[in-house]
Amino acid sequence: MTTMINIQTTADNTTLEAIKALLFKIDPAAIFEAYGEQQNYLSKEDEEHLKRISDMDDKGELEYVSMDEMNAHVNSLFKKYGA
């Protein structure tokens, strides 16, 4: 089971490092991410993915559809597969 939590605190870096160390003692596979007010909330992988999407948009390589078009498409798929 995976659990995600969001804690907002004014703790200093020393305290955060202590919490991180404790967490990794409990669960070495845990993921601990800390962000300051000016830092990016995206992972490096997500940031790169967003950049690729933005670049594609800038080049006119993306096709956008309205919500009505998307709903019609999804409904046709449901009908096609008997749902």
PDB file of N, CA and C in Angstrom:
ATOM      1  N   MET A   1       0.844  -1.178   0.000  1.00  0.00           N
ATOM      2  CA  MET A   1       0.000   0.000   0.000  1.00  0.00           C
ATOM      3  C   MET A   1       0.894   1.249   0.000  1.00  0.00           C
ATOM      4  N   THR A   2       0.557   2.198  -0.816  1.00  0.00           N
ATOM      5  CA  THR A   2       1.285   3.458  -0.876  1.00  0.00           C
ATOM      6  C   THR A   2       0.437   4.553  -0.252  1.00  0.00           C
ATOM      7  N   THR A   3       1.049   5.355   0.584  1.00  0.00           N
ATOM      8  CA  THR A   3       0.374   6.482   1.209  1.00  0.00           C
ATOM      9  C   THR A   3       1.143   7.746   0.896  1.00  0.00           C
ATOM     10  N   MET A   4       0.441   8.776   0.459  1.00  0.00           N
ATOM     11  CA  MET A   4       1.070  10.071   0.217  1.00  0.00           C
ATOM     12  C   MET A   4       0.565  11.043   1.264  1.00  0.00           C
ATOM     13  N   ILE A   5       1.469  11.875   1.770  1.00  0.00           N
ATOM     14  CA  ILE A   5       1.065  12.907   2.720  1.00  0.00           C
ATOM     15  C   ILE A   5       1.655  14.237   2.279  1.00  0.00           C
ATOM     16  N   ASN A   6       1.015  15.293   2.678  1.00  0.00           N
ATOM     17  CA  ASN A   6       1.489  16.653   2.397  1.00  0.00           C
ATOM     18  C   ASN A   6       1.557  17.366   3.739  1.00  0.00           C
ATOM     19  N   ILE A   7       2.739  17.782   4.117  1.00  0.00           N
ATOM     20  CA  ILE A   7       2.928  18.494   5.377  1.00  0.00           C
ATOM     21  C   ILE A   7       3.486  19.872   5.057  1.00  0.00           C
ATOM     22  N   GLN A   8       2.834  20.894   5.539  1.00  0.00           N
ATOM     23  CA  GLN A   8       3.331  22.257   5.355  1.00  0.00           C
ATOM     24  C   GLN A   8       3.889  22.728   6.685  1.00  0.00           C
ATOM     25  N   THR A   9       5.148  23.175   6.673  1.00  0.00           N
ATOM     26  CA  THR A   9       5.816  23.529   7.917  1.00  0.00           C
ATOM     27  C   THR A   9       6.795  24.674   7.695  1.00  0.00           C
ATOM     28  N   THR A  10       7.148  25.310   8.787  1.00  0.00           N
ATOM     29  CA  THR A  10       8.182  26.345   8.742  1.00  0.00           C
ATOM     30  C   THR A  10       9.483  25.825   9.336  1.00  0.00           C
ATOM     31  N   ALA A  11       9.585  24.502   9.496  1.00  0.00           N
ATOM     32  CA  ALA A  11      10.779  23.890  10.078  1.00  0.00           C
ATOM     33  C   ALA A  11      12.006  24.226   9.233  1.00  0.00           C
ATOM     34  N   ASP A  12      13.151  24.319   9.910  1.00  0.00           N
ATOM     35  CA  ASP A  12      14.394  24.624   9.193  1.00  0.00           C
ATOM     36  C   ASP A  12      14.946  23.359   8.527  1.00  0.00           C
ATOM     37  N   ASN A  13      15.986  23.532   7.715  1.00  0.00           N
ATOM     38  CA  ASN A  13      16.560  22.413   6.964  1.00  0.00           C
ATOM     39  C   ASN A  13      17.099  21.314   7.866  1.00  0.00           C
ATOM     40  N   THR A  14      17.666  21.668   9.001  1.00  0.00           N
ATOM     41  CA  THR A  14      18.206  20.669   9.928  1.00  0.00           C
ATOM     42  C   THR A  14      17.088  19.758  10.425  1.00  0.00           C
ATOM     43  N   THR A  15      15.954  20.346  10.780  1.00  0.00           N
ATOM     44  CA  THR A  15      14.810  19.562  11.255  1.00  0.00           C
ATOM     45  C   THR A  15      14.266  18.682  10.141  1.00  0.00           C
ATOM     46  N   LEU A  16      14.161  19.241   8.943  1.00  0.00           N
ATOM     47  CA  LEU A  16      13.672  18.453   7.811  1.00  0.00           C
ATOM     48  C   LEU A  16      14.600  17.278   7.508  1.00  0.00           C
ATOM     49  N   GLU A  17      15.897  17.490   7.601  1.00  0.00           N
ATOM     50  CA  GLU A  17      16.848  16.402   7.364  1.00  0.00           C
ATOM     51  C   GLU A  17      16.702  15.318   8.432  1.00  0.00           C
ATOM     52  N   ALA A  18      16.421  15.702   9.666  1.00  0.00           N
ATOM     53  CA  ALA A  18      16.206  14.722  10.738  1.00  0.00           C
ATOM     54  C   ALA A  18      14.946  13.905  10.476  1.00  0.00           C
ATOM     55  N   ILE A  19      13.894  14.565  10.035  1.00  0.00           N
ATOM     56  CA  ILE A  19      12.641  13.864   9.697  1.00  0.00           C
ATOM     57  C   ILE A  19      12.883  12.915   8.529  1.00  0.00           C
ATOM     58  N   LYS A  20      13.620  13.386   7.553  1.00  0.00           N
ATOM     59  CA  LYS A  20      13.943  12.558   6.384  1.00  0.00           C
ATOM     60  C   LYS A  20      14.731  11.319   6.807  1.00  0.00           C
ATOM     61  N   ALA A  21      15.730  11.487   7.664  1.00  0.00           N
ATOM     62  CA  ALA A  21      16.534  10.357   8.140  1.00  0.00           C
ATOM     63  C   ALA A  21      15.669   9.349   8.883  1.00  0.00           C
ATOM     64  N   LEU A  22      14.766   9.835   9.730  1.00  0.00           N
ATOM     65  CA  LEU A  22      13.863   8.954  10.459  1.00  0.00           C
ATOM     66  C   LEU A  22      12.963   8.186   9.502  1.00  0.00           C
ATOM     67  N   LEU A  23      12.431   8.877   8.517  1.00  0.00           N
ATOM     68  CA  LEU A  23      11.554   8.229   7.536  1.00  0.00           C
ATOM     69  C   LEU A  23      12.295   7.112   6.809  1.00  0.00           C
ATOM     70  N   PHE A  24      13.529   7.375   6.388  1.00  0.00           N
ATOM     71  CA  PHE A  24      14.284   6.365   5.653  1.00  0.00           C
ATOM     72  C   PHE A  24      14.700   5.188   6.537  1.00  0.00           C
ATOM     73  N   LYS A  25      14.820   5.404   7.847  1.00  0.00           N
ATOM     74  CA  LYS A  25      15.067   4.278   8.754  1.00  0.00           C
ATOM     75  C   LYS A  25      13.843   3.382   8.819  1.00  0.00           C
ATOM     76  N   ILE A  26      12.668   4.001   8.785  1.00  0.00           N
ATOM     77  CA  ILE A  26      11.419   3.246   8.836  1.00  0.00           C
ATOM     78  C   ILE A  26      11.136   2.579   7.495  1.00  0.00           C
ATOM     79  N   ASP A  27      11.378   3.314   6.401  1.00  0.00           N
ATOM     80  CA  ASP A  27      11.076   2.813   5.061  1.00  0.00           C
ATOM     81  C   ASP A  27      12.152   3.278   4.083  1.00  0.00           C
ATOM     82  N   PRO A  28      13.164   2.448   3.849  1.00  0.00           N
ATOM     83  CA  PRO A  28      14.257   2.846   2.955  1.00  0.00           C
ATOM     84  C   PRO A  28      13.810   3.156   1.523  1.00  0.00           C
ATOM     85  N   ALA A  29      12.654   2.662   1.114  1.00  0.00           N
ATOM     86  CA  ALA A  29      12.162   2.901  -0.247  1.00  0.00           C
ATOM     87  C   ALA A  29      11.274   4.147  -0.334  1.00  0.00           C
ATOM     88  N   ALA A  30      11.139   4.853   0.767  1.00  0.00           N
ATOM     89  CA  ALA A  30      10.263   6.036   0.789  1.00  0.00           C
ATOM     90  C   ALA A  30      10.797   7.127  -0.149  1.00  0.00           C
ATOM     91  N   ILE A  31       9.907   7.983  -0.567  1.00  0.00           N
ATOM     92  CA  ILE A  31      10.268   9.149  -1.379  1.00  0.00           C
ATOM     93  C   ILE A  31       9.966  10.379  -0.539  1.00  0.00           C
ATOM     94  N   PHE A  32      10.965  11.211  -0.355  1.00  0.00           N
ATOM     95  CA  PHE A  32      10.820  12.424   0.460  1.00  0.00           C
ATOM     96  C   PHE A  32      11.157  13.607  -0.431  1.00  0.00           C
ATOM     97  N   GLU A  33      10.202  14.499  -0.618  1.00  0.00           N
ATOM     98  CA  GLU A  33      10.432  15.685  -1.426  1.00  0.00           C
ATOM     99  C   GLU A  33      10.077  16.912  -0.600  1.00  0.00           C
ATOM    100  N   ALA A  34      10.951  17.883  -0.597  1.00  0.00           N
ATOM    101  CA  ALA A  34      10.706  19.129   0.130  1.00  0.00           C
ATOM    102  C   ALA A  34      10.843  20.285  -0.845  1.00  0.00           C
ATOM    103  N   TYR A  35       9.948  21.242  -0.746  1.00  0.00           N
ATOM    104  CA  TYR A  35       9.947  22.382  -1.658  1.00  0.00           C
ATOM    105  C   TYR A  35       9.863  23.674  -0.863  1.00  0.00           C
ATOM    106  N   GLY A  36      10.671  24.636  -1.226  1.00  0.00           N
ATOM    107  CA  GLY A  36      10.559  25.969  -0.664  1.00  0.00           C
ATOM    108  C   GLY A  36       9.570  26.773  -1.502  1.00  0.00           C
ATOM    109  N   GLU A  37       9.263  27.953  -1.063  1.00  0.00           N
ATOM    110  CA  GLU A  37       8.271  28.769  -1.765  1.00  0.00           C
ATOM    111  C   GLU A  37       8.672  29.072  -3.206  1.00  0.00           C
ATOM    112  N   GLN A  38       9.958  29.214  -3.474  1.00  0.00           N
ATOM    113  CA  GLN A  38      10.421  29.571  -4.806  1.00  0.00           C
ATOM    114  C   GLN A  38      10.802  28.362  -5.651  1.00  0.00           C
ATOM    115  N   GLN A  39      10.678  27.165  -5.112  1.00  0.00           N
ATOM    116  CA  GLN A  39      11.112  25.985  -5.835  1.00  0.00           C
ATOM    117  C   GLN A  39       9.991  25.396  -6.677  1.00  0.00           C
ATOM    118  N   ASN A  40      10.380  24.587  -7.621  1.00  0.00           N
ATOM    119  CA  ASN A  40       9.465  23.938  -8.540  1.00  0.00           C
ATOM    120  C   ASN A  40       8.796  22.738  -7.860  1.00  0.00           C
ATOM    121  N   TYR A  41       7.510  22.583  -8.049  1.00  0.00           N
ATOM    122  CA  TYR A  41       6.781  21.482  -7.445  1.00  0.00           C
ATOM    123  C   TYR A  41       6.729  20.260  -8.353  1.00  0.00           C
ATOM    124  N   LEU A  42       7.322  20.338  -9.535  1.00  0.00           N
ATOM    125  CA  LEU A  42       7.333  19.206 -10.446  1.00  0.00           C
ATOM    126  C   LEU A  42       8.613  18.401 -10.259  1.00  0.00           C
ATOM    127  N   SER A  43       8.500  17.095 -10.427  1.00  0.00           N
ATOM    128  CA  SER A  43       9.711  16.283 -10.449  1.00  0.00           C
ATOM    129  C   SER A  43      10.480  16.624 -11.719  1.00  0.00           C
ATOM    130  N   LYS A  44      11.735  16.252 -11.766  1.00  0.00           N
ATOM    131  CA  LYS A  44      12.563  16.519 -12.944  1.00  0.00           C
ATOM    132  C   LYS A  44      11.947  15.856 -14.176  1.00  0.00           C
ATOM    133  N   GLU A  45      11.474  14.639 -14.014  1.00  0.00           N
ATOM    134  CA  GLU A  45      10.845  13.911 -15.122  1.00  0.00           C
ATOM    135  C   GLU A  45       9.587  14.628 -15.610  1.00  0.00           C
ATOM    136  N   ASP A  46       8.732  15.062 -14.671  1.00  0.00           N
ATOM    137  CA  ASP A  46       7.515  15.783 -15.048  1.00  0.00           C
ATOM    138  C   ASP A  46       7.842  17.122 -15.697  1.00  0.00           C
ATOM    139  N   GLU A  47       8.877  17.785 -15.196  1.00  0.00           N
ATOM    140  CA  GLU A  47       9.290  19.063 -15.765  1.00  0.00           C
ATOM    141  C   GLU A  47       9.726  18.885 -17.224  1.00  0.00           C
ATOM    142  N   GLU A  48      10.496  17.823 -17.494  1.00  0.00           N
ATOM    143  CA  GLU A  48      10.943  17.549 -18.859  1.00  0.00           C
ATOM    144  C   GLU A  48       9.770  17.202 -19.762  1.00  0.00           C
ATOM    145  N   HIS A  49       8.820  16.420 -19.236  1.00  0.00           N
ATOM    146  CA  HIS A  49       7.634  16.052 -20.008  1.00  0.00           C
ATOM    147  C   HIS A  49       6.810  17.294 -20.344  1.00  0.00           C
ATOM    148  N   LEU A  50       6.612  18.155 -19.373  1.00  0.00           N
ATOM    149  CA  LEU A  50       5.867  19.390 -19.607  1.00  0.00           C
ATOM    150  C   LEU A  50       6.572  20.268 -20.635  1.00  0.00           C
ATOM    151  N   LYS A  51       7.885  20.316 -20.580  1.00  0.00           N
ATOM    152  CA  LYS A  51       8.651  21.096 -21.551  1.00  0.00           C
ATOM    153  C   LYS A  51       8.455  20.555 -22.964  1.00  0.00           C
ATOM    154  N   ARG A  52       8.473  19.211 -23.113  1.00  0.00           N
ATOM    155  CA  ARG A  52       8.240  18.615 -24.437  1.00  0.00           C
ATOM    156  C   ARG A  52       6.849  18.963 -24.957  1.00  0.00           C
ATOM    157  N   ILE A  53       5.843  18.903 -24.081  1.00  0.00           N
ATOM    158  CA  ILE A  53       4.479  19.237 -24.479  1.00  0.00           C
ATOM    159  C   ILE A  53       4.400  20.704 -24.875  1.00  0.00           C
ATOM    160  N   SER A  54       5.018  21.571 -24.095  1.00  0.00           N
ATOM    161  CA  SER A  54       5.015  23.003 -24.406  1.00  0.00           C
ATOM    162  C   SER A  54       5.694  23.271 -25.743  1.00  0.00           C
ATOM    163  N   ASP A  55       6.820  22.601 -25.991  1.00  0.00           N
ATOM    164  CA  ASP A  55       7.517  22.764 -27.264  1.00  0.00           C
ATOM    165  C   ASP A  55       6.647  22.303 -28.431  1.00  0.00           C
ATOM    166  N   MET A  56       5.950  21.181 -28.248  1.00  0.00           N
ATOM    167  CA  MET A  56       5.052  20.686 -29.303  1.00  0.00           C
ATOM    168  C   MET A  56       3.933  21.694 -29.563  1.00  0.00           C
ATOM    169  N   ASP A  57       3.404  22.287 -28.487  1.00  0.00           N
ATOM    170  CA  ASP A  57       2.354  23.292 -28.647  1.00  0.00           C
ATOM    171  C   ASP A  57       2.882  24.499 -29.406  1.00  0.00           C
ATOM    172  N   ASP A  58       4.090  24.945 -29.040  1.00  0.00           N
ATOM    173  CA  ASP A  58       4.694  26.093 -29.725  1.00  0.00           C
ATOM    174  C   ASP A  58       4.863  25.837 -31.217  1.00  0.00           C
ATOM    175  N   LYS A  59       5.125  24.592 -31.588  1.00  0.00           N
ATOM    176  CA  LYS A  59       5.334  24.230 -32.993  1.00  0.00           C
ATOM    177  C   LYS A  59       4.023  23.911 -33.713  1.00  0.00           C
ATOM    178  N   GLY A  60       2.896  23.954 -32.996  1.00  0.00           N
ATOM    179  CA  GLY A  60       1.599  23.643 -33.602  1.00  0.00           C
ATOM    180  C   GLY A  60       1.401  22.160 -33.854  1.00  0.00           C
ATOM    181  N   GLU A  61       2.113  21.317 -33.106  1.00  0.00           N
ATOM    182  CA  GLU A  61       2.053  19.878 -33.307  1.00  0.00           C
ATOM    183  C   GLU A  61       0.960  19.192 -32.488  1.00  0.00           C
ATOM    184  N   LEU A  62       0.266  19.931 -31.648  1.00  0.00           N
ATOM    185  CA  LEU A  62      -0.790  19.345 -30.825  1.00  0.00           C
ATOM    186  C   LEU A  62      -2.152  19.672 -31.413  1.00  0.00           C
ATOM    187  N   GLU A  63      -3.059  18.726 -31.281  1.00  0.00           N
ATOM    188  CA  GLU A  63      -4.429  18.952 -31.727  1.00  0.00           C
ATOM    189  C   GLU A  63      -5.320  18.978 -30.491  1.00  0.00           C
ATOM    190  N   TYR A  64      -6.069  20.039 -30.353  1.00  0.00           N
ATOM    191  CA  TYR A  64      -6.953  20.177 -29.207  1.00  0.00           C
ATOM    192  C   TYR A  64      -8.383  19.895 -29.635  1.00  0.00           C
ATOM    193  N   VAL A  65      -9.149  19.286 -28.745  1.00  0.00           N
ATOM    194  CA  VAL A  65     -10.563  19.022 -29.004  1.00  0.00           C
ATOM    195  C   VAL A  65     -11.377  19.605 -27.862  1.00  0.00           C
ATOM    196  N   SER A  66     -12.604  19.961 -28.161  1.00  0.00           N
ATOM    197  CA  SER A  66     -13.479  20.509 -27.127  1.00  0.00           C
ATOM    198  C   SER A  66     -13.959  19.384 -26.203  1.00  0.00           C
ATOM    199  N   MET A  67     -14.488  19.772 -25.072  1.00  0.00           N
ATOM    200  CA  MET A  67     -15.018  18.779 -24.132  1.00  0.00           C
ATOM    201  C   MET A  67     -16.173  18.013 -24.768  1.00  0.00           C
ATOM    202  N   ASP A  68     -17.005  18.712 -25.539  1.00  0.00           N
ATOM    203  CA  ASP A  68     -18.121  18.038 -26.211  1.00  0.00           C
ATOM    204  C   ASP A  68     -17.611  16.979 -27.187  1.00  0.00           C
ATOM    205  N   GLU A  69     -16.546  17.322 -27.940  1.00  0.00           N
ATOM    206  CA  GLU A  69     -15.965  16.347 -28.870  1.00  0.00           C
ATOM    207  C   GLU A  69     -15.383  15.148 -28.115  1.00  0.00           C
ATOM    208  N   MET A  70     -14.727  15.419 -27.015  1.00  0.00           N
ATOM    209  CA  MET A  70     -14.143  14.335 -26.229  1.00  0.00           C
ATOM    210  C   MET A  70     -15.226  13.438 -25.652  1.00  0.00           C
ATOM    211  N   ASN A  71     -16.284  14.030 -25.124  1.00  0.00           N
ATOM    212  CA  ASN A  71     -17.395  13.238 -24.582  1.00  0.00           C
ATOM    213  C   ASN A  71     -18.022  12.375 -25.663  1.00  0.00           C
ATOM    214  N   ALA A  72     -18.206  12.930 -26.861  1.00  0.00           N
ATOM    215  CA  ALA A  72     -18.785  12.168 -27.966  1.00  0.00           C
ATOM    216  C   ALA A  72     -17.877  10.994 -28.329  1.00  0.00           C
ATOM    217  N   HIS A  73     -16.576  11.240 -28.353  1.00  0.00           N
ATOM    218  CA  HIS A  73     -15.620  10.172 -28.670  1.00  0.00           C
ATOM    219  C   HIS A  73     -15.662   9.069 -27.617  1.00  0.00           C
ATOM    220  N   VAL A  74     -15.644   9.444 -26.352  1.00  0.00           N
ATOM    221  CA  VAL A  74     -15.674   8.462 -25.269  1.00  0.00           C
ATOM    222  C   VAL A  74     -16.975   7.667 -25.317  1.00  0.00           C
ATOM    223  N   ASN A  75     -18.093   8.354 -25.533  1.00  0.00           N
ATOM    224  CA  ASN A  75     -19.381   7.658 -25.612  1.00  0.00           C
ATOM    225  C   ASN A  75     -19.422   6.677 -26.773  1.00  0.00           C
ATOM    226  N   SER A  76     -18.818   7.045 -27.906  1.00  0.00           N
ATOM    227  CA  SER A  76     -18.787   6.113 -29.046  1.00  0.00           C
ATOM    228  C   SER A  76     -17.940   4.887 -28.716  1.00  0.00           C
ATOM    229  N   LEU A  77     -16.858   5.075 -27.960  1.00  0.00           N
ATOM    230  CA  LEU A  77     -16.056   3.920 -27.546  1.00  0.00           C
ATOM    231  C   LEU A  77     -16.836   3.010 -26.602  1.00  0.00           C
ATOM    232  N   PHE A  78     -17.583   3.610 -25.674  1.00  0.00           N
ATOM    233  CA  PHE A  78     -18.412   2.814 -24.772  1.00  0.00           C
ATOM    234  C   PHE A  78     -19.411   1.987 -25.557  1.00  0.00           C
ATOM    235  N   LYS A  79     -20.061   2.597 -26.530  1.00  0.00           N
ATOM    236  CA  LYS A  79     -21.041   1.891 -27.366  1.00  0.00           C
ATOM    237  C   LYS A  79     -20.368   0.769 -28.162  1.00  0.00           C
ATOM    238  N   LYS A  80     -19.193   1.078 -28.711  1.00  0.00           N
ATOM    239  CA  LYS A  80     -18.449   0.103 -29.516  1.00  0.00           C
ATOM    240  C   LYS A  80     -18.114  -1.141 -28.722  1.00  0.00           C
ATOM    241  N   TYR A  81     -17.745  -0.946 -27.446  1.00  0.00           N
ATOM    242  CA  TYR A  81     -17.344  -2.082 -26.618  1.00  0.00           C
ATOM    243  C   TYR A  81     -18.438  -2.555 -25.673  1.00  0.00           C
ATOM    244  N   GLY A  82     -19.669  -2.079 -25.895  1.00  0.00           N
ATOM    245  CA  GLY A  82     -20.807  -2.590 -25.154  1.00  0.00           C
ATOM    246  C   GLY A  82     -20.905  -2.163 -23.705  1.00  0.00           C
ATOM    247  N   ALA A  83     -20.331  -1.049 -23.363  1.00  0.00           N
ATOM    248  CA  ALA A  83     -20.398  -0.605 -21.970  1.00  0.00           C
ATOM    249  C   ALA A  83     -21.552   0.354 -21.767  1.00  0.00           C
TER     250      ALA A  83
END
